[in-house]
Protein backbone atom coordinates (compact mmCIF):
# COMPACT_ATOMS: atom_id res chain seq x y z
CA MET A 1 51.36 -26.82 78.30
CA SER A 2 48.64 -26.49 75.51
CA GLN A 3 46.16 -29.65 75.61
CA HIS A 4 45.69 -31.34 72.23
CA ILE A 5 41.73 -31.43 71.28
CA ALA A 6 40.56 -34.22 69.42
CA LYS A 7 38.32 -33.28 66.47
CA PRO A 8 34.99 -34.18 66.83
CA ARG A 9 33.71 -37.48 64.67
CA THR A 10 31.56 -36.51 61.52
CA THR A 11 28.59 -38.45 60.84
CA ALA A 12 26.73 -38.07 57.67
CA VAL A 13 22.36 -38.52 58.13
CA ILE A 14 21.17 -39.79 54.99
CA LEU A 15 17.26 -38.71 55.03
CA ALA A 16 15.58 -41.32 53.05
CA GLY A 17 11.49 -41.15 54.06
CA GLY A 18 10.20 -40.03 50.86
CA THR A 19 7.66 -42.25 48.92
CA GLY A 20 8.07 -41.67 45.38
CA GLN A 21 4.66 -40.02 44.56
CA ARG A 22 5.80 -37.33 43.01
CA VAL A 23 7.38 -39.04 40.50
CA GLY A 24 4.65 -41.41 39.95
CA LEU A 25 6.60 -44.63 41.63
CA SER A 26 5.19 -47.53 43.39
CA ILE A 27 8.48 -47.62 45.46
CA PRO A 28 10.36 -44.39 47.43
CA LYS A 29 12.30 -42.27 44.75
CA GLN A 30 15.53 -43.21 46.39
CA LEU A 31 15.42 -47.00 45.47
CA LEU A 32 15.00 -45.95 42.00
CA LYS A 33 17.50 -47.02 39.60
CA ILE A 34 19.73 -44.23 37.54
CA ALA A 35 22.72 -45.18 35.94
CA GLY A 36 22.22 -48.67 36.81
CA LYS A 37 21.97 -48.34 40.26
CA ALA A 38 19.79 -47.22 43.08
CA VAL A 39 19.77 -43.38 43.63
CA ILE A 40 20.68 -43.86 47.57
CA GLU A 41 23.48 -46.15 46.60
CA HIS A 42 25.36 -43.23 44.46
CA THR A 43 24.60 -40.95 47.28
CA LEU A 44 25.94 -43.92 49.96
CA THR A 45 28.96 -44.10 47.48
CA THR A 46 29.73 -40.48 47.66
CA PHE A 47 29.75 -40.42 51.57
CA GLU A 48 31.65 -43.75 51.76
CA LYS A 49 34.20 -41.62 49.84
CA ALA A 50 34.55 -38.77 51.81
CA ASP A 51 37.63 -38.40 53.80
CA SER A 52 36.02 -36.14 56.07
CA ILE A 53 33.12 -38.28 56.80
CA ASP A 54 33.42 -41.00 59.87
CA ASP A 55 30.68 -43.13 59.86
CA VAL A 56 26.56 -42.89 57.99
CA ILE A 57 23.15 -43.47 59.20
CA VAL A 58 20.80 -43.67 57.13
CA LEU A 59 16.74 -43.00 58.13
CA MET A 60 14.65 -45.01 55.44
CA ALA A 61 10.77 -45.18 54.89
CA PRO A 62 9.29 -47.30 56.83
CA GLY A 63 8.90 -51.14 55.42
CA TYR A 64 12.18 -50.69 53.25
CA VAL A 65 15.00 -51.00 55.79
CA PRO A 66 15.73 -54.32 54.47
CA ASP A 67 16.24 -53.29 50.75
CA ILE A 68 18.96 -50.42 52.11
CA GLU A 69 20.46 -53.55 54.07
CA LYS A 70 20.96 -55.19 51.01
CA ILE A 71 22.18 -52.23 48.72
CA VAL A 72 24.89 -51.72 51.77
CA ALA A 73 25.89 -55.34 52.08
CA LYS A 74 26.35 -55.87 48.22
CA ALA A 75 28.45 -52.35 48.04
CA GLY A 76 30.21 -52.97 51.07
CA PHE A 77 29.94 -49.82 52.30
CA THR A 78 32.01 -49.76 55.55
CA LYS A 79 31.11 -46.23 56.82
CA VAL A 80 26.90 -47.41 57.45
CA LYS A 81 26.77 -47.90 60.80
CA LYS A 82 22.84 -47.94 61.59
CA ILE A 83 19.93 -48.29 59.17
CA ILE A 84 16.48 -47.28 60.96
CA GLU A 85 13.27 -46.28 60.01
CA GLY A 86 12.17 -42.83 59.36
CA GLY A 87 8.95 -40.88 60.97
CA SER A 88 6.10 -39.86 59.48
CA THR A 89 7.16 -36.21 58.69
CA ARG A 90 10.59 -34.52 57.93
CA ASN A 91 10.54 -33.34 61.53
CA GLU A 92 9.82 -36.51 62.87
CA THR A 93 12.78 -38.32 61.09
CA THR A 94 15.62 -35.59 62.13
CA GLU A 95 14.18 -36.34 65.83
CA ARG A 96 15.11 -40.18 65.45
CA ALA A 97 18.38 -39.00 64.04
CA ILE A 98 19.04 -37.19 66.65
CA ASP A 99 18.43 -39.85 69.38
CA ALA A 100 20.26 -42.10 67.26
CA LEU A 101 23.30 -39.94 67.26
CA GLY A 102 23.03 -39.09 70.94
CA GLU A 103 23.49 -43.09 71.83
CA GLY A 104 26.68 -44.05 73.44
CA LEU A 105 28.31 -40.57 73.48
CA ALA A 106 30.28 -39.62 76.59
CA GLU A 107 29.18 -36.96 78.85
CA GLY A 108 29.88 -33.55 76.95
CA GLU A 109 30.89 -35.01 73.86
CA ASP A 110 29.72 -33.39 70.66
CA LEU A 111 29.42 -34.57 66.82
CA ASN A 112 29.75 -32.73 63.73
CA VAL A 113 26.34 -34.04 61.75
CA LEU A 114 25.47 -33.58 58.11
CA PHE A 115 21.87 -34.39 57.21
CA HIS A 116 21.87 -35.11 53.49
CA ASP A 117 19.04 -35.80 51.24
CA ALA A 118 19.07 -39.45 49.63
CA VAL A 119 17.35 -38.10 46.44
CA ARG A 120 20.69 -35.46 45.98
CA PRO A 121 22.92 -38.18 44.32
CA LEU A 122 25.11 -35.87 42.75
CA LEU A 123 26.61 -34.48 45.63
CA SER A 124 30.41 -33.40 45.23
CA GLN A 125 33.29 -34.25 47.65
CA ARG A 126 34.11 -30.19 47.82
CA VAL A 127 30.77 -29.53 49.50
CA ILE A 128 31.32 -32.06 51.98
CA ASP A 129 34.47 -30.78 52.83
CA ASP A 130 33.25 -27.18 53.36
CA CYS A 131 30.71 -27.72 55.33
CA VAL A 132 33.06 -30.09 57.58
CA VAL A 133 35.62 -26.95 57.38
CA ALA A 134 32.66 -24.60 58.51
CA LEU A 135 31.66 -26.77 61.48
CA GLU A 136 35.32 -25.79 62.65
CA ARG A 137 33.98 -22.03 63.42
CA PHE A 138 30.22 -22.31 63.25
CA GLN A 139 27.44 -24.39 64.79
CA ALA A 140 25.15 -24.53 62.08
CA VAL A 141 26.00 -24.32 58.40
CA ASP A 142 23.63 -24.55 55.11
CA VAL A 143 24.32 -25.41 51.58
CA ALA A 144 22.83 -22.63 48.79
CA ILE A 145 23.38 -21.47 45.52
CA PRO A 146 22.36 -18.26 43.72
CA SER A 147 18.92 -17.99 42.26
CA ALA A 148 19.09 -17.53 38.24
CA ASP A 149 15.54 -16.94 38.00
CA THR A 150 13.32 -14.09 39.40
CA ILE A 151 11.33 -15.15 42.19
CA ILE A 152 7.63 -13.63 42.47
CA VAL A 153 5.42 -13.74 45.41
CA THR A 154 1.50 -14.59 44.80
CA ARG A 155 -1.71 -14.10 46.35
CA THR A 156 -5.30 -15.90 45.01
CA HIS A 157 -8.27 -14.00 44.47
CA GLY A 158 -10.88 -16.18 44.38
CA GLU A 159 -11.57 -17.57 41.09
CA ASP A 160 -9.36 -15.01 39.13
CA GLY A 161 -6.21 -17.04 40.11
CA GLU A 162 -3.36 -15.82 41.21
CA PHE A 163 -1.80 -12.10 40.95
CA ILE A 164 1.89 -10.94 42.23
CA THR A 165 2.11 -9.06 45.04
CA GLU A 166 6.06 -8.66 45.50
CA ILE A 167 9.40 -9.14 43.40
CA PRO A 168 12.41 -9.73 46.01
CA ASP A 169 15.81 -8.58 45.11
CA ARG A 170 17.08 -11.53 43.43
CA SER A 171 20.69 -10.76 44.18
CA ARG A 172 19.78 -11.74 47.70
CA LEU A 173 18.02 -15.22 47.17
CA ARG A 174 19.45 -18.33 47.28
CA ARG A 175 18.06 -21.85 46.81
CA GLY A 176 19.03 -24.15 49.57
CA GLN A 177 20.50 -27.81 49.06
CA THR A 178 21.78 -30.33 51.24
CA PRO A 179 23.91 -31.16 53.27
CA GLN A 180 22.84 -28.98 56.26
CA ALA A 181 25.18 -29.42 59.42
CA PHE A 182 25.36 -28.95 62.68
CA LYS A 183 27.20 -29.67 65.89
CA LEU A 184 24.67 -32.14 67.53
CA SER A 185 24.71 -30.36 70.42
CA THR A 186 23.18 -27.30 68.52
CA ILE A 187 20.31 -29.01 66.32
CA LYS A 188 19.27 -31.09 69.15
CA ARG A 189 18.70 -28.24 71.38
CA ALA A 190 16.96 -26.55 68.48
CA TYR A 191 14.24 -29.43 68.25
CA GLU A 192 14.32 -29.41 72.17
CA VAL A 193 12.92 -25.74 72.00
CA ALA A 194 10.74 -26.22 69.07
CA ALA A 195 8.95 -29.32 70.77
CA GLY A 196 7.38 -26.39 73.38
CA ASP A 197 5.55 -24.95 70.26
CA PRO A 198 1.97 -26.44 69.42
CA ASN A 199 2.19 -25.35 65.84
CA PHE A 200 5.67 -26.54 64.95
CA GLN A 201 6.12 -27.64 61.64
CA ALA A 202 9.54 -27.09 59.35
CA THR A 203 10.50 -29.00 55.83
CA ASP A 204 14.10 -28.29 56.56
CA ASP A 205 16.47 -28.36 59.76
CA CYS A 206 18.15 -24.83 59.40
CA SER A 207 14.90 -23.33 59.55
CA VAL A 208 14.08 -25.03 63.21
CA VAL A 209 17.83 -23.24 63.95
CA LEU A 210 16.99 -20.01 62.89
CA LYS A 211 13.48 -19.94 64.22
CA TYR A 212 14.09 -21.29 67.90
CA LEU A 213 17.70 -20.56 68.26
CA PRO A 214 17.82 -17.03 66.58
CA ASP A 215 21.25 -16.25 68.16
CA VAL A 216 22.93 -19.11 66.15
CA PRO A 217 24.33 -17.47 63.35
CA ILE A 218 23.87 -19.84 59.89
CA HIS A 219 26.85 -19.94 57.94
CA VAL A 220 25.88 -20.40 54.25
CA VAL A 221 28.40 -22.92 51.93
CA ALA A 222 28.70 -22.71 48.17
CA GLY A 223 26.48 -25.03 46.76
CA ASP A 224 26.41 -26.66 43.27
CA GLU A 225 24.25 -26.05 40.49
CA TYR A 226 24.22 -29.85 39.80
CA ASN A 227 23.36 -31.03 43.24
CA MET A 228 19.79 -31.53 42.08
CA LYS A 229 17.15 -33.22 44.04
CA VAL A 230 15.18 -35.99 42.41
CA THR A 231 11.66 -34.94 42.76
CA GLN A 232 9.88 -34.45 39.56
CA PRO A 233 9.48 -37.13 36.38
CA VAL A 234 11.94 -34.82 34.34
CA ASP A 235 14.42 -34.81 37.48
CA VAL A 236 14.94 -38.79 36.80
CA PHE A 237 15.51 -38.03 33.19
CA ILE A 238 18.40 -35.15 33.81
CA ALA A 239 19.79 -37.42 36.96
CA ASP A 240 20.42 -40.28 34.28
CA LYS A 241 21.78 -38.39 31.73
CA LEU A 242 24.42 -36.16 33.93
CA PHE A 243 25.65 -39.79 35.42
CA GLN A 244 25.87 -40.80 31.54
CA LEU A 245 28.06 -37.60 30.93
CA ALA A 246 30.03 -37.31 33.59
CA SER A 247 33.48 -39.22 33.86
CA THR A 248 35.82 -40.03 36.82
CA ALA A 249 38.78 -38.06 37.56
CA THR A 250 42.05 -39.44 36.27
CA PRO A 251 43.55 -41.44 39.70
CA GLU A 252 46.57 -40.43 41.19
CA GLN A 253 49.62 -42.13 39.85
CA VAL A 254 51.64 -44.26 41.92
CA SER A 255 55.42 -43.92 42.57
CA GLU A 256 57.34 -45.79 40.27
CA GLU A 257 58.44 -48.12 43.13
CA ALA A 258 54.48 -49.02 43.62
CA TYR A 259 54.11 -49.61 39.83
CA ARG A 260 56.75 -52.09 39.96
CA GLU A 261 55.38 -53.70 43.13
CA LEU A 262 51.77 -54.07 41.65
CA LEU A 263 52.64 -55.52 38.29
CA THR A 264 55.82 -57.79 39.01
CA GLY A 265 54.38 -61.18 38.63
CA LYS A 266 51.05 -60.01 37.00
CA THR A 267 49.92 -60.80 33.66
CA VAL A 268 48.62 -58.41 30.90
CA VAL A 269 46.72 -58.95 27.58
CA VAL A 270 46.88 -55.84 25.39
CA PHE A 271 44.59 -56.55 22.24
CA GLY A 272 45.61 -53.93 19.80
CA GLY A 273 49.07 -53.98 20.79
CA SER A 274 50.65 -53.72 17.67
CA TYR A 275 50.76 -50.00 18.08
CA GLY A 276 49.89 -46.49 19.31
CA ILE A 277 48.26 -46.52 22.78
CA GLY A 278 48.16 -50.19 22.96
CA LYS A 279 51.91 -50.87 22.44
CA ASP A 280 52.62 -47.96 25.05
CA ILE A 281 50.64 -50.03 27.77
CA ALA A 282 52.39 -52.98 26.71
CA GLU A 283 55.78 -51.35 27.18
CA LEU A 284 54.94 -49.49 30.29
CA ALA A 285 53.41 -52.47 32.11
CA GLU A 286 56.38 -54.52 30.74
CA SER A 287 59.07 -52.20 32.00
CA TYR A 288 57.59 -52.68 35.69
CA GLY A 289 57.76 -56.33 35.71
CA ALA A 290 54.61 -57.74 34.17
CA THR A 291 54.45 -60.57 31.92
CA VAL A 292 52.71 -58.65 28.77
CA TYR A 293 51.12 -60.33 25.57
CA ALA A 294 50.99 -57.64 22.87
CA LEU A 295 48.66 -58.92 20.40
CA GLY A 296 47.67 -57.31 17.19
CA ARG A 297 46.89 -57.84 13.41
CA SER A 298 50.37 -56.64 12.40
CA THR A 299 52.58 -58.17 14.67
CA THR A 300 51.03 -61.45 15.93
CA GLY A 301 48.61 -62.15 13.66
CA THR A 302 45.83 -61.81 15.92
CA HIS A 303 42.27 -60.61 14.49
CA VAL A 304 40.29 -59.56 17.73
CA GLU A 305 36.90 -60.14 15.31
CA ASN A 306 37.81 -63.93 15.34
CA PRO A 307 36.67 -65.36 18.78
CA GLU A 308 38.73 -68.19 18.47
CA GLU A 309 41.66 -66.21 17.95
CA VAL A 310 41.00 -64.36 20.89
CA ASP A 311 40.24 -67.81 22.82
CA ASP A 312 43.63 -68.84 21.57
CA ALA A 313 45.24 -65.84 22.48
CA LEU A 314 44.13 -65.77 26.54
CA SER A 315 44.49 -69.57 26.14
CA LYS A 316 47.92 -69.36 25.83
CA ALA A 317 48.78 -66.49 28.14
CA TYR A 318 47.03 -68.69 30.99
CA ALA A 319 48.70 -71.64 29.92
CA GLU A 320 52.43 -69.91 30.12
CA THR A 321 51.72 -67.77 33.47
CA GLY A 322 49.40 -69.37 35.15
CA ARG A 323 47.00 -66.03 35.46
CA ILE A 324 45.40 -63.25 33.67
CA ASP A 325 45.34 -60.38 35.90
CA TYR A 326 44.43 -57.54 33.21
CA VAL A 327 42.93 -57.46 29.70
CA VAL A 328 42.89 -54.60 27.49
CA ASN A 329 41.28 -53.85 24.12
CA THR A 330 42.67 -50.79 22.27
CA ALA A 331 41.73 -52.59 18.79
CA GLY A 332 39.54 -50.44 16.57
CA VAL A 333 38.78 -48.99 13.11
CA LEU A 334 38.00 -45.86 12.22
CA ARG A 335 36.11 -45.44 8.96
CA ILE A 336 34.88 -41.97 7.96
CA GLY A 337 31.91 -41.72 5.42
CA LYS A 338 28.15 -41.22 4.87
CA LEU A 339 26.31 -44.44 6.19
CA ALA A 340 24.11 -44.39 2.89
CA GLU A 341 27.19 -44.37 0.50
CA THR A 342 29.21 -46.91 2.80
CA ASP A 343 29.44 -50.53 1.43
CA ASN A 344 28.42 -53.57 3.57
CA ALA A 345 31.76 -55.14 3.91
CA THR A 346 32.86 -51.61 5.55
CA ILE A 347 29.79 -51.71 8.00
CA GLU A 348 30.22 -55.37 8.64
CA GLU A 349 34.03 -54.53 10.00
CA ALA A 350 33.03 -51.98 12.00
CA LEU A 351 30.83 -53.91 13.78
CA LYS A 352 33.12 -56.45 14.27
CA VAL A 353 36.22 -54.98 15.73
CA ASN A 354 34.51 -52.18 17.27
CA TYR A 355 31.72 -53.78 19.12
CA LEU A 356 31.86 -58.10 18.70
CA ALA A 357 35.32 -58.51 19.41
CA PRO A 358 34.98 -56.23 22.70
CA VAL A 359 32.38 -58.36 23.39
CA GLN A 360 34.09 -61.31 22.71
CA ILE A 361 37.12 -60.30 24.52
CA ALA A 362 34.81 -59.80 27.83
CA ARG A 363 33.12 -63.23 27.61
CA SER A 364 36.49 -65.15 26.57
CA SER A 365 37.96 -63.19 29.60
CA TYR A 366 35.36 -63.48 32.53
CA LYS A 367 36.87 -66.97 33.60
CA TYR A 368 40.46 -65.86 34.09
CA LEU A 369 39.64 -62.46 35.85
CA SER A 370 37.42 -63.93 38.36
CA GLU A 371 40.22 -65.97 39.42
CA THR A 372 42.62 -62.90 40.05
CA LYS A 373 39.55 -60.42 40.83
CA GLY A 374 41.33 -58.59 37.85
CA GLN A 375 40.09 -55.60 35.50
CA LEU A 376 38.75 -55.41 32.16
CA LEU A 377 39.88 -52.31 30.46
CA LEU A 378 37.78 -50.67 27.02
CA TYR A 379 38.38 -47.31 25.50
CA THR A 380 35.74 -45.03 23.98
CA SER A 381 35.70 -41.83 21.75
CA SER A 382 34.54 -38.14 22.74
CA SER A 383 32.20 -38.77 20.45
CA TYR A 384 30.51 -41.60 22.49
CA THR A 385 27.79 -38.55 24.09
CA ARG A 386 26.91 -37.09 20.47
CA GLY A 387 27.38 -38.77 16.98
CA ARG A 388 28.90 -36.94 14.44
CA ALA A 389 27.67 -36.99 10.45
CA GLU A 390 29.72 -39.02 8.55
CA TYR A 391 31.13 -41.02 12.13
CA SER A 392 27.76 -43.31 12.40
CA LEU A 393 29.41 -46.34 12.90
CA TYR A 394 32.47 -44.83 15.04
CA SER A 395 30.49 -43.07 17.00
CA SER A 396 27.71 -45.48 17.88
CA THR A 397 29.82 -48.48 18.63
CA LYS A 398 32.05 -46.39 20.92
CA ALA A 399 28.69 -45.31 22.89
CA ALA A 400 28.52 -49.17 23.08
CA MET A 401 31.51 -49.42 24.84
CA VAL A 402 30.40 -47.16 27.56
CA ASN A 403 27.20 -49.46 28.23
CA LEU A 404 28.87 -52.11 28.23
CA THR A 405 31.42 -51.25 30.69
CA GLN A 406 28.69 -49.84 32.83
CA ALA A 407 26.77 -53.16 32.42
CA LEU A 408 29.70 -55.71 32.98
CA SER A 409 30.90 -53.83 36.05
CA ASP A 410 27.33 -54.19 37.48
CA GLU A 411 27.09 -58.15 36.41
CA TRP A 412 30.49 -58.68 37.52
CA ALA A 413 31.09 -56.77 40.70
CA GLY A 414 30.08 -60.03 42.77
CA ASP A 415 32.86 -62.09 41.30
CA GLY A 416 35.33 -59.02 42.14
CA ILE A 417 35.90 -58.22 38.55
CA ARG A 418 36.60 -54.53 37.62
CA VAL A 419 35.54 -53.08 34.58
CA ASN A 420 36.21 -49.58 33.16
CA CYS A 421 36.45 -47.52 30.00
CA ILE A 422 39.35 -44.57 28.75
CA ASN A 423 37.39 -41.94 27.02
CA PRO A 424 40.74 -39.94 25.38
CA GLU A 425 40.62 -36.54 23.96
CA ARG A 426 42.05 -36.45 20.33
CA THR A 427 44.85 -38.90 20.58
CA ALA A 428 48.28 -38.72 18.01
CA THR A 429 47.75 -42.60 17.10
CA PRO A 430 48.57 -44.16 13.70
CA MET A 431 44.75 -44.68 13.14
CA ARG A 432 43.64 -41.04 13.66
CA THR A 433 46.75 -39.76 11.54
CA LYS A 434 45.53 -42.36 8.75
CA ALA A 435 42.38 -40.92 8.73
CA PHE A 436 42.96 -36.99 9.20
CA GLY A 437 46.41 -36.84 8.28
CA GLN A 438 48.91 -34.80 10.11
CA GLU A 439 47.78 -32.35 12.38
CA PRO A 440 49.12 -29.31 14.20
CA SER A 441 51.39 -30.32 16.80
CA GLY A 442 50.85 -29.89 20.29
CA SER A 443 46.62 -29.81 19.59
CA LEU A 444 46.87 -33.96 20.38
CA LEU A 445 47.18 -35.99 23.56
CA SER A 446 50.25 -38.52 23.09
CA SER A 447 49.45 -42.05 23.02
CA GLU A 448 52.00 -42.49 25.81
CA ALA A 449 49.90 -40.11 28.19
CA VAL A 450 46.75 -42.18 27.45
CA ALA A 451 48.72 -45.32 27.94
CA ARG A 452 50.26 -43.99 31.56
CA THR A 453 46.82 -43.14 32.69
CA SER A 454 45.64 -46.67 31.49
CA LEU A 455 47.80 -47.96 33.67
CA ASP A 456 47.02 -46.27 36.60
CA VAL A 457 43.10 -47.18 36.06
CA LEU A 458 44.15 -51.15 35.69
CA LEU A 459 45.96 -50.55 39.48
CA SER A 460 42.72 -48.27 40.67
CA GLU A 461 40.02 -50.01 42.92
CA LEU A 462 37.90 -48.19 40.29
CA THR A 463 34.94 -50.11 38.52
CA GLY A 464 32.33 -48.96 36.11
CA HIS A 465 33.52 -45.84 35.47
CA VAL A 466 34.49 -43.88 32.08
CA ILE A 467 37.52 -41.93 32.63
CA ASP A 468 38.24 -38.74 30.71
CA VAL A 469 41.80 -38.18 29.65
CA ARG A 470 42.98 -34.83 28.94
CA GLN A 471 45.28 -32.26 27.82
CA GLN A 472 46.35 -30.23 31.17
CA ASP A 473 44.93 -26.68 31.06
CA PRO A 474 47.80 -24.81 32.61
CA THR A 475 45.28 -22.29 34.20
CA ALA A 476 43.34 -24.58 35.81
CA PRO A 477 43.62 -25.58 39.66
CA ALA A 478 44.68 -29.32 39.74
CA GLY A 479 42.16 -31.66 41.13
CA LYS A 480 39.32 -29.12 41.07
CA ALA A 481 36.94 -30.35 38.26
CA SER A 482 34.25 -31.94 39.39
CA GLY A 483 33.38 -34.93 37.04
CA PHE A 484 30.08 -32.96 36.06
CA GLU A 485 32.47 -29.95 35.21
CA GLN A 486 35.16 -32.10 33.01
CA ALA A 487 31.71 -33.60 31.28
CA LEU A 488 30.66 -30.01 30.33
CA ALA A 489 34.05 -29.00 29.25
CA SER A 490 34.10 -32.14 27.01
CA VAL A 491 31.13 -31.79 25.70
CA LEU A 492 32.25 -28.43 24.30
CA ASP A 493 35.50 -29.97 23.17
CA ARG A 494 33.31 -32.55 21.05
CA GLN A 495 31.99 -29.78 19.05
CA ASP A 496 35.48 -29.18 17.57
CA GLY A 497 36.30 -32.82 17.01
CA MET A 498 36.65 -36.23 18.39
CA ALA A 499 39.14 -38.35 20.30
């Protein structure tokens, strides 16, 4: 009878010993805020969500361990088991991690270990999973991407400066990234051998295995171009923009029975519920047992730009049901035209309906959603990342919805309120038809599809996300696109139109 061998545990070691000097900071660069959160929080979130990772330890710059403890406590990261001070060098930091990983292990027990730079916050789940799978066959794994640049080798000749001495074959050159993954026993043995070298010095862990355990093959996993390291001042700017662009993949749909179980007895308030996406959300939620208040100018006479009417609508829903679980705002106006030729009334209408109304809805909803730990769902447009001529009012107010979502999700996190934003591709709605007329069949998303995704987001644990809703590309493998890849596709689409 064959004996079942349990898979080894997999621990991610987050190396966060950098000081931030190269980006001109007085604090470690991993504590710098990008897209509203510390860089290391983005990194820890990625590993917290990775199914292939069992636990995480953090090696932090001396003096800053309490900062990480606060971040971990506030975010509720359950996989982070240890936060310890790193050493004065990368080598010393890794050695401390190896010692910490060995504590409590039974004799003969081994671990999978992934060493990752804290300042690579855009790591994908795909790379993590590929590293863990590779460790089933190999003892050491690196992550790398091809070099798009020609690499030159130079030598300095006195005051004359540098001169090229060699140009290696670019086809064989790779740019190393992290994670670097090992069997704990392998990386531990490599460092034990290296300890006998009085000149031992290394900037990464694979080089230690390569030099001191030359018989151990190091497998290479394909990395990602956007798995960048925040090292220089320009990296801070680029990483922030990538987070701004990257959208979250649509949550997986639950079963019909689960929809009914999750929505029965819940109260949903939909502003902009007279037609289009809002009407479809209201009908869907109601069909699954929710009590729904679909509010709109043409049906219930509710004007979202009037704060008193918003307050009254929410008060009525709460008085009649005793709770408000979800508040959705799909109301909006689309006015096309050159700004210099737009009258004051049109400008005021756009600002009141597209910006001030969501702000007022959010403010009025807060007390109800804090009771139920509910969710506020807003809507943006694919034009939010780059405004277009004659759409200045619409594009700018829709960009504001993304910022409002991100800000409120952070502000309300402690109250358990989730805030998300739907970014639909061009959608067949009465508002769009009024602005653009009839368009070719099949070129637009259906409002029902956007409504279904909206419901999935409401029932998810997501917060602070922009969720792209796109027509499915039949040639694309399902579930393979990263948020960054989705963002690139969206940017290309935005050159051709708007949602």
